[in-house]
Amino acid sequence: MMDLPGDWAIGDRTLQFIGFALLGVAAFYLLACQFSRRREWTFREHRIELPSLKMAVIQVALGAINWSLMASLIYLLLPEEAFFPSILGILLVSSIAGVVTHVPAGLGVLEAIFIALLQHQIPVSAILAALIGYRAIYFLLPLGIALIIYLVMEKRAKAMRSSAEDTERAEQSSQAETARDAVAQRG
């Protein structure tokens, strides 16, 4: 497992309570999606609409898969002494801290929490290298792929517009010739 800094100590009972409380929140959400007669609420001018149970289960499953894949990526980039459940837990804690601090993408928050919790087991340089690699692969790689796809689509759209304009000009020219021929035949 992982050793928390001395002043971060939380008892086992407290951790179990927090875990069961969070599981309770998730269960409440799924039960509300299944049994709630009122499907829509307004909270501080925000409209909240409950999905069907099927959609809620899909949301929970995809969320769990996403977080697991993110943690797996960091785990693979860290040295062998890393423990996957610890990495997943640290990632989840750092994401909550990132939301609380209102820092976009948790920039710096993620790194600070990983360093604080893993520095006694893994060298700081290895932690930072893994997190930089994680950010590059998880954020920059998809951005690069999307940029390439966007540029290809724009090039194709431009070619299609140009082709359509050429076809339209040819049709107009053909219609003009037909009209001239018709006038010439009458005259």
C-alpha atoms as a PDB file:
ATOM      1  CA  MET A   1       0.000   0.000   0.000  1.00  0.00           C
ATOM      2  CA  MET A   2       1.160   3.550   0.576  1.00  0.00           C
ATOM      3  CA  ASP A   3       2.411   5.444   3.585  1.00  0.00           C
ATOM      4  CA  LEU A   4       0.614   8.707   4.239  1.00  0.00           C
ATOM      5  CA  PRO A   5       2.523  11.619   5.720  1.00  0.00           C
ATOM      6  CA  GLY A   6       2.288  11.589   9.529  1.00  0.00           C
ATOM      7  CA  ASP A   7      -0.080  14.560   9.825  1.00  0.00           C
ATOM      8  CA  TRP A   8      -2.460  13.049   7.214  1.00  0.00           C
ATOM      9  CA  ALA A   9      -3.375  10.065   9.364  1.00  0.00           C
ATOM     10  CA  ILE A  10      -6.985   8.951   9.095  1.00  0.00           C
ATOM     11  CA  GLY A  11      -8.296   5.951  10.980  1.00  0.00           C
ATOM     12  CA  ASP A  12      -9.434   2.810   9.218  1.00  0.00           C
ATOM     13  CA  ARG A  13     -12.991   3.341  10.437  1.00  0.00           C
ATOM     14  CA  THR A  14     -13.083   6.849   8.994  1.00  0.00           C
ATOM     15  CA  LEU A  15     -11.848   5.614   5.610  1.00  0.00           C
ATOM     16  CA  GLN A  16     -14.429   2.829   5.639  1.00  0.00           C
ATOM     17  CA  PHE A  17     -17.147   5.340   6.520  1.00  0.00           C
ATOM     18  CA  ILE A  18     -16.109   7.635   3.649  1.00  0.00           C
ATOM     19  CA  GLY A  19     -16.010   4.679   1.251  1.00  0.00           C
ATOM     20  CA  PHE A  20     -19.460   3.440   2.251  1.00  0.00           C
ATOM     21  CA  ALA A  21     -20.865   6.982   2.106  1.00  0.00           C
ATOM     22  CA  LEU A  22     -19.599   7.411  -1.456  1.00  0.00           C
ATOM     23  CA  LEU A  23     -20.986   4.009  -2.453  1.00  0.00           C
ATOM     24  CA  GLY A  24     -24.275   5.113  -0.888  1.00  0.00           C
ATOM     25  CA  VAL A  25     -24.322   8.258  -3.017  1.00  0.00           C
ATOM     26  CA  ALA A  26     -23.755   6.174  -6.159  1.00  0.00           C
ATOM     27  CA  ALA A  27     -26.474   3.709  -5.139  1.00  0.00           C
ATOM     28  CA  PHE A  28     -28.865   6.588  -4.379  1.00  0.00           C
ATOM     29  CA  TYR A  29     -28.244   8.010  -7.864  1.00  0.00           C
ATOM     30  CA  LEU A  30     -29.006   4.671  -9.523  1.00  0.00           C
ATOM     31  CA  LEU A  31     -32.100   4.131  -7.365  1.00  0.00           C
ATOM     32  CA  ALA A  32     -33.322   7.658  -8.110  1.00  0.00           C
ATOM     33  CA  CYS A  33     -32.884   6.982 -11.834  1.00  0.00           C
ATOM     34  CA  GLN A  34     -34.958   3.811 -11.501  1.00  0.00           C
ATOM     35  CA  PHE A  35     -37.734   4.802  -9.102  1.00  0.00           C
ATOM     36  CA  SER A  36     -38.070   8.580  -9.066  1.00  0.00           C
ATOM     37  CA  ARG A  37     -41.433   9.823 -10.309  1.00  0.00           C
ATOM     38  CA  ARG A  38     -40.083  13.339 -10.629  1.00  0.00           C
ATOM     39  CA  ARG A  39     -37.508  13.228 -13.454  1.00  0.00           C
ATOM     40  CA  GLU A  40     -36.504  16.896 -13.416  1.00  0.00           C
ATOM     41  CA  TRP A  41     -35.252  19.307 -10.746  1.00  0.00           C
ATOM     42  CA  THR A  42     -34.068  22.885 -10.784  1.00  0.00           C
ATOM     43  CA  PHE A  43     -31.164  23.792  -8.518  1.00  0.00           C
ATOM     44  CA  ARG A  44     -29.727  27.327  -8.569  1.00  0.00           C
ATOM     45  CA  GLU A  45     -31.139  27.983 -12.032  1.00  0.00           C
ATOM     46  CA  HIS A  46     -29.692  24.706 -13.346  1.00  0.00           C
ATOM     47  CA  ARG A  47     -32.092  22.098 -14.677  1.00  0.00           C
ATOM     48  CA  ILE A  48     -31.188  18.542 -13.726  1.00  0.00           C
ATOM     49  CA  GLU A  49     -32.929  15.726 -15.562  1.00  0.00           C
ATOM     50  CA  LEU A  50     -32.533  12.125 -14.441  1.00  0.00           C
ATOM     51  CA  PRO A  51     -31.641   9.622 -17.144  1.00  0.00           C
ATOM     52  CA  SER A  52     -33.120   6.156 -17.374  1.00  0.00           C
ATOM     53  CA  LEU A  53     -31.562   3.435 -15.228  1.00  0.00           C
ATOM     54  CA  LYS A  54     -29.934   1.920 -18.320  1.00  0.00           C
ATOM     55  CA  MET A  55     -28.285   5.221 -19.214  1.00  0.00           C
ATOM     56  CA  ALA A  56     -27.198   5.778 -15.598  1.00  0.00           C
ATOM     57  CA  VAL A  57     -25.557   2.334 -15.457  1.00  0.00           C
ATOM     58  CA  ILE A  58     -23.780   3.089 -18.741  1.00  0.00           C
ATOM     59  CA  GLN A  59     -22.583   6.411 -17.286  1.00  0.00           C
ATOM     60  CA  VAL A  60     -21.247   4.719 -14.151  1.00  0.00           C
ATOM     61  CA  ALA A  61     -19.549   1.954 -16.161  1.00  0.00           C
ATOM     62  CA  LEU A  62     -17.933   4.349 -18.630  1.00  0.00           C
ATOM     63  CA  GLY A  63     -16.797   6.604 -15.791  1.00  0.00           C
ATOM     64  CA  ALA A  64     -15.192   3.671 -13.984  1.00  0.00           C
ATOM     65  CA  ILE A  65     -13.513   2.498 -17.187  1.00  0.00           C
ATOM     66  CA  ASN A  66     -12.203   5.996 -17.931  1.00  0.00           C
ATOM     67  CA  TRP A  67     -10.700   6.451 -14.456  1.00  0.00           C
ATOM     68  CA  SER A  68      -9.231   2.957 -14.548  1.00  0.00           C
ATOM     69  CA  LEU A  69      -7.595   3.615 -17.919  1.00  0.00           C
ATOM     70  CA  MET A  70      -6.187   6.930 -16.696  1.00  0.00           C
ATOM     71  CA  ALA A  71      -4.737   5.241 -13.613  1.00  0.00           C
ATOM     72  CA  SER A  72      -3.419   2.361 -15.752  1.00  0.00           C
ATOM     73  CA  LEU A  73      -1.561   4.817 -17.956  1.00  0.00           C
ATOM     74  CA  ILE A  74       0.101   6.468 -14.953  1.00  0.00           C
ATOM     75  CA  TYR A  75       0.800   3.051 -13.414  1.00  0.00           C
ATOM     76  CA  LEU A  76       2.531   1.881 -16.614  1.00  0.00           C
ATOM     77  CA  LEU A  77       4.661   5.021 -16.731  1.00  0.00           C
ATOM     78  CA  LEU A  78       5.795   4.702 -13.098  1.00  0.00           C
ATOM     79  CA  PRO A  79       8.561   2.349 -11.904  1.00  0.00           C
ATOM     80  CA  GLU A  80       7.675  -1.235 -10.959  1.00  0.00           C
ATOM     81  CA  GLU A  81       7.287  -0.545  -7.235  1.00  0.00           C
ATOM     82  CA  ALA A  82       4.051   1.349  -7.911  1.00  0.00           C
ATOM     83  CA  PHE A  83       0.863  -0.330  -6.656  1.00  0.00           C
ATOM     84  CA  PHE A  84      -2.152   0.061  -8.987  1.00  0.00           C
ATOM     85  CA  PRO A  85      -4.893   0.517  -6.337  1.00  0.00           C
ATOM     86  CA  SER A  86      -2.777   3.240  -4.708  1.00  0.00           C
ATOM     87  CA  ILE A  87      -2.286   4.978  -8.052  1.00  0.00           C
ATOM     88  CA  LEU A  88      -6.025   4.855  -8.750  1.00  0.00           C
ATOM     89  CA  GLY A  89      -6.808   6.229  -5.277  1.00  0.00           C
ATOM     90  CA  ILE A  90      -4.260   9.037  -5.590  1.00  0.00           C
ATOM     91  CA  LEU A  91      -5.617   9.943  -9.025  1.00  0.00           C
ATOM     92  CA  LEU A  92      -9.166  10.145  -7.662  1.00  0.00           C
ATOM     93  CA  VAL A  93      -8.069  12.240  -4.670  1.00  0.00           C
ATOM     94  CA  SER A  94      -6.080  14.575  -6.925  1.00  0.00           C
ATOM     95  CA  SER A  95      -9.062  15.011  -9.247  1.00  0.00           C
ATOM     96  CA  ILE A  96     -11.266  16.049  -6.340  1.00  0.00           C
ATOM     97  CA  ALA A  97      -8.556  18.453  -5.170  1.00  0.00           C
ATOM     98  CA  GLY A  98      -8.345  19.854  -8.717  1.00  0.00           C
ATOM     99  CA  VAL A  99     -12.098  20.512  -8.736  1.00  0.00           C
ATOM    100  CA  VAL A 100     -11.980  22.122  -5.298  1.00  0.00           C
ATOM    101  CA  THR A 101      -9.107  24.426  -6.292  1.00  0.00           C
ATOM    102  CA  HIS A 102     -10.740  25.343  -9.648  1.00  0.00           C
ATOM    103  CA  VAL A 103      -7.460  24.784 -11.500  1.00  0.00           C
ATOM    104  CA  PRO A 104      -7.984  23.837 -15.164  1.00  0.00           C
ATOM    105  CA  ALA A 105      -7.011  20.173 -15.733  1.00  0.00           C
ATOM    106  CA  GLY A 106      -5.724  20.088 -12.139  1.00  0.00           C
ATOM    107  CA  LEU A 107      -2.436  21.517 -13.423  1.00  0.00           C
ATOM    108  CA  GLY A 108       0.038  21.296 -10.571  1.00  0.00           C
ATOM    109  CA  VAL A 109      -2.513  19.843  -8.165  1.00  0.00           C
ATOM    110  CA  LEU A 110      -2.198  16.360  -9.625  1.00  0.00           C
ATOM    111  CA  GLU A 111       1.588  16.539  -9.447  1.00  0.00           C
ATOM    112  CA  ALA A 112       1.636  17.920  -5.895  1.00  0.00           C
ATOM    113  CA  ILE A 113      -0.633  15.187  -4.562  1.00  0.00           C
ATOM    114  CA  PHE A 114       1.233  12.393  -6.350  1.00  0.00           C
ATOM    115  CA  ILE A 115       4.548  13.713  -5.027  1.00  0.00           C
ATOM    116  CA  ALA A 116       3.195  14.150  -1.493  1.00  0.00           C
ATOM    117  CA  LEU A 117       1.825  10.614  -1.376  1.00  0.00           C
ATOM    118  CA  LEU A 118       4.466   8.683  -3.319  1.00  0.00           C
ATOM    119  CA  GLN A 119       7.737  10.497  -2.626  1.00  0.00           C
ATOM    120  CA  HIS A 120       8.668   8.010   0.113  1.00  0.00           C
ATOM    121  CA  GLN A 121       8.371   5.055  -2.269  1.00  0.00           C
ATOM    122  CA  ILE A 122       9.292   6.404  -5.727  1.00  0.00           C
ATOM    123  CA  PRO A 123      11.857   9.071  -6.660  1.00  0.00           C
ATOM    124  CA  VAL A 124      10.279  12.467  -7.326  1.00  0.00           C
ATOM    125  CA  SER A 125      11.936  12.637 -10.752  1.00  0.00           C
ATOM    126  CA  ALA A 126      10.269   9.350 -11.761  1.00  0.00           C
ATOM    127  CA  ILE A 127       6.888  10.602 -10.520  1.00  0.00           C
ATOM    128  CA  LEU A 128       7.188  13.861 -12.470  1.00  0.00           C
ATOM    129  CA  ALA A 129       8.378  12.075 -15.618  1.00  0.00           C
ATOM    130  CA  ALA A 130       5.419   9.669 -15.431  1.00  0.00           C
ATOM    131  CA  LEU A 131       2.936  12.516 -14.918  1.00  0.00           C
ATOM    132  CA  ILE A 132       4.374  14.545 -17.805  1.00  0.00           C
ATOM    133  CA  GLY A 133       4.129  11.445 -19.984  1.00  0.00           C
ATOM    134  CA  TYR A 134       0.567  10.897 -18.782  1.00  0.00           C
ATOM    135  CA  ARG A 135      -0.433  14.455 -19.675  1.00  0.00           C
ATOM    136  CA  ALA A 136       1.214  14.170 -23.093  1.00  0.00           C
ATOM    137  CA  ILE A 137      -0.466  10.863 -23.902  1.00  0.00           C
ATOM    138  CA  TYR A 138      -3.863  11.578 -22.342  1.00  0.00           C
ATOM    139  CA  PHE A 139      -4.287  15.207 -23.428  1.00  0.00           C
ATOM    140  CA  LEU A 140      -1.854  16.106 -26.214  1.00  0.00           C
ATOM    141  CA  LEU A 141      -1.972  12.895 -28.270  1.00  0.00           C
ATOM    142  CA  PRO A 142      -5.786  13.050 -28.747  1.00  0.00           C
ATOM    143  CA  LEU A 143      -5.483  16.781 -29.514  1.00  0.00           C
ATOM    144  CA  GLY A 144      -2.904  16.058 -32.209  1.00  0.00           C
ATOM    145  CA  ILE A 145      -5.037  13.307 -33.726  1.00  0.00           C
ATOM    146  CA  ALA A 146      -8.117  15.551 -33.682  1.00  0.00           C
ATOM    147  CA  LEU A 147      -6.141  18.371 -35.324  1.00  0.00           C
ATOM    148  CA  ILE A 148      -5.019  16.079 -38.155  1.00  0.00           C
ATOM    149  CA  ILE A 149      -8.573  14.811 -38.674  1.00  0.00           C
ATOM    150  CA  TYR A 150      -9.901  18.382 -38.663  1.00  0.00           C
ATOM    151  CA  LEU A 151      -7.366  19.538 -41.261  1.00  0.00           C
ATOM    152  CA  VAL A 152      -8.121  16.560 -43.526  1.00  0.00           C
ATOM    153  CA  MET A 153     -11.864  17.214 -43.246  1.00  0.00           C
ATOM    154  CA  GLU A 154     -11.393  20.922 -44.005  1.00  0.00           C
ATOM    155  CA  LYS A 155      -9.284  20.092 -47.060  1.00  0.00           C
ATOM    156  CA  ARG A 156     -11.953  17.691 -48.318  1.00  0.00           C
ATOM    157  CA  ALA A 157     -14.724  20.226 -47.657  1.00  0.00           C
ATOM    158  CA  LYS A 158     -12.799  22.884 -49.578  1.00  0.00           C
ATOM    159  CA  ALA A 159     -12.310  20.489 -52.489  1.00  0.00           C
ATOM    160  CA  MET A 160     -16.027  19.609 -52.445  1.00  0.00           C
ATOM    161  CA  ARG A 161     -17.004  23.310 -52.406  1.00  0.00           C
ATOM    162  CA  SER A 162     -14.633  24.014 -55.279  1.00  0.00           C
ATOM    163  CA  SER A 163     -15.991  21.046 -57.249  1.00  0.00           C
ATOM    164  CA  ALA A 164     -19.588  22.149 -56.600  1.00  0.00           C
ATOM    165  CA  GLU A 165     -18.771  25.701 -57.734  1.00  0.00           C
ATOM    166  CA  ASP A 166     -17.131  24.377 -60.924  1.00  0.00           C
ATOM    167  CA  THR A 167     -20.178  22.192 -61.646  1.00  0.00           C
ATOM    168  CA  GLU A 168     -22.510  25.152 -61.036  1.00  0.00           C
ATOM    169  CA  ARG A 169     -20.480  27.389 -63.386  1.00  0.00           C
ATOM    170  CA  ALA A 170     -20.510  24.668 -66.058  1.00  0.00           C
ATOM    171  CA  GLU A 171     -24.286  24.303 -65.725  1.00  0.00           C
ATOM    172  CA  GLN A 172     -24.792  28.075 -65.960  1.00  0.00           C
ATOM    173  CA  SER A 173     -22.516  28.228 -69.007  1.00  0.00           C
ATOM    174  CA  SER A 174     -24.399  25.345 -70.627  1.00  0.00           C
ATOM    175  CA  GLN A 175     -27.740  27.023 -69.927  1.00  0.00           C
ATOM    176  CA  ALA A 176     -26.448  30.298 -71.389  1.00  0.00           C
ATOM    177  CA  GLU A 177     -25.274  28.497 -74.557  1.00  0.00           C
ATOM    178  CA  THR A 178     -28.628  26.739 -74.874  1.00  0.00           C
ATOM    179  CA  ALA A 179     -30.419  30.076 -74.534  1.00  0.00           C
ATOM    180  CA  ARG A 180     -28.155  31.680 -77.188  1.00  0.00           C
ATOM    181  CA  ASP A 181     -28.718  28.747 -79.539  1.00  0.00           C
ATOM    182  CA  ALA A 182     -32.483  29.045 -79.059  1.00  0.00           C
ATOM    183  CA  VAL A 183     -32.357  32.810 -79.809  1.00  0.00           C
ATOM    184  CA  ALA A 184     -30.162  32.170 -82.861  1.00  0.00           C
ATOM    185  CA  GLN A 185     -32.569  29.565 -84.212  1.00  0.00           C
ATOM    186  CA  ARG A 186     -35.532  31.949 -83.858  1.00  0.00           C
ATOM    187  CA  GLY A 187     -33.723  34.834 -85.504  1.00  0.00           C
END
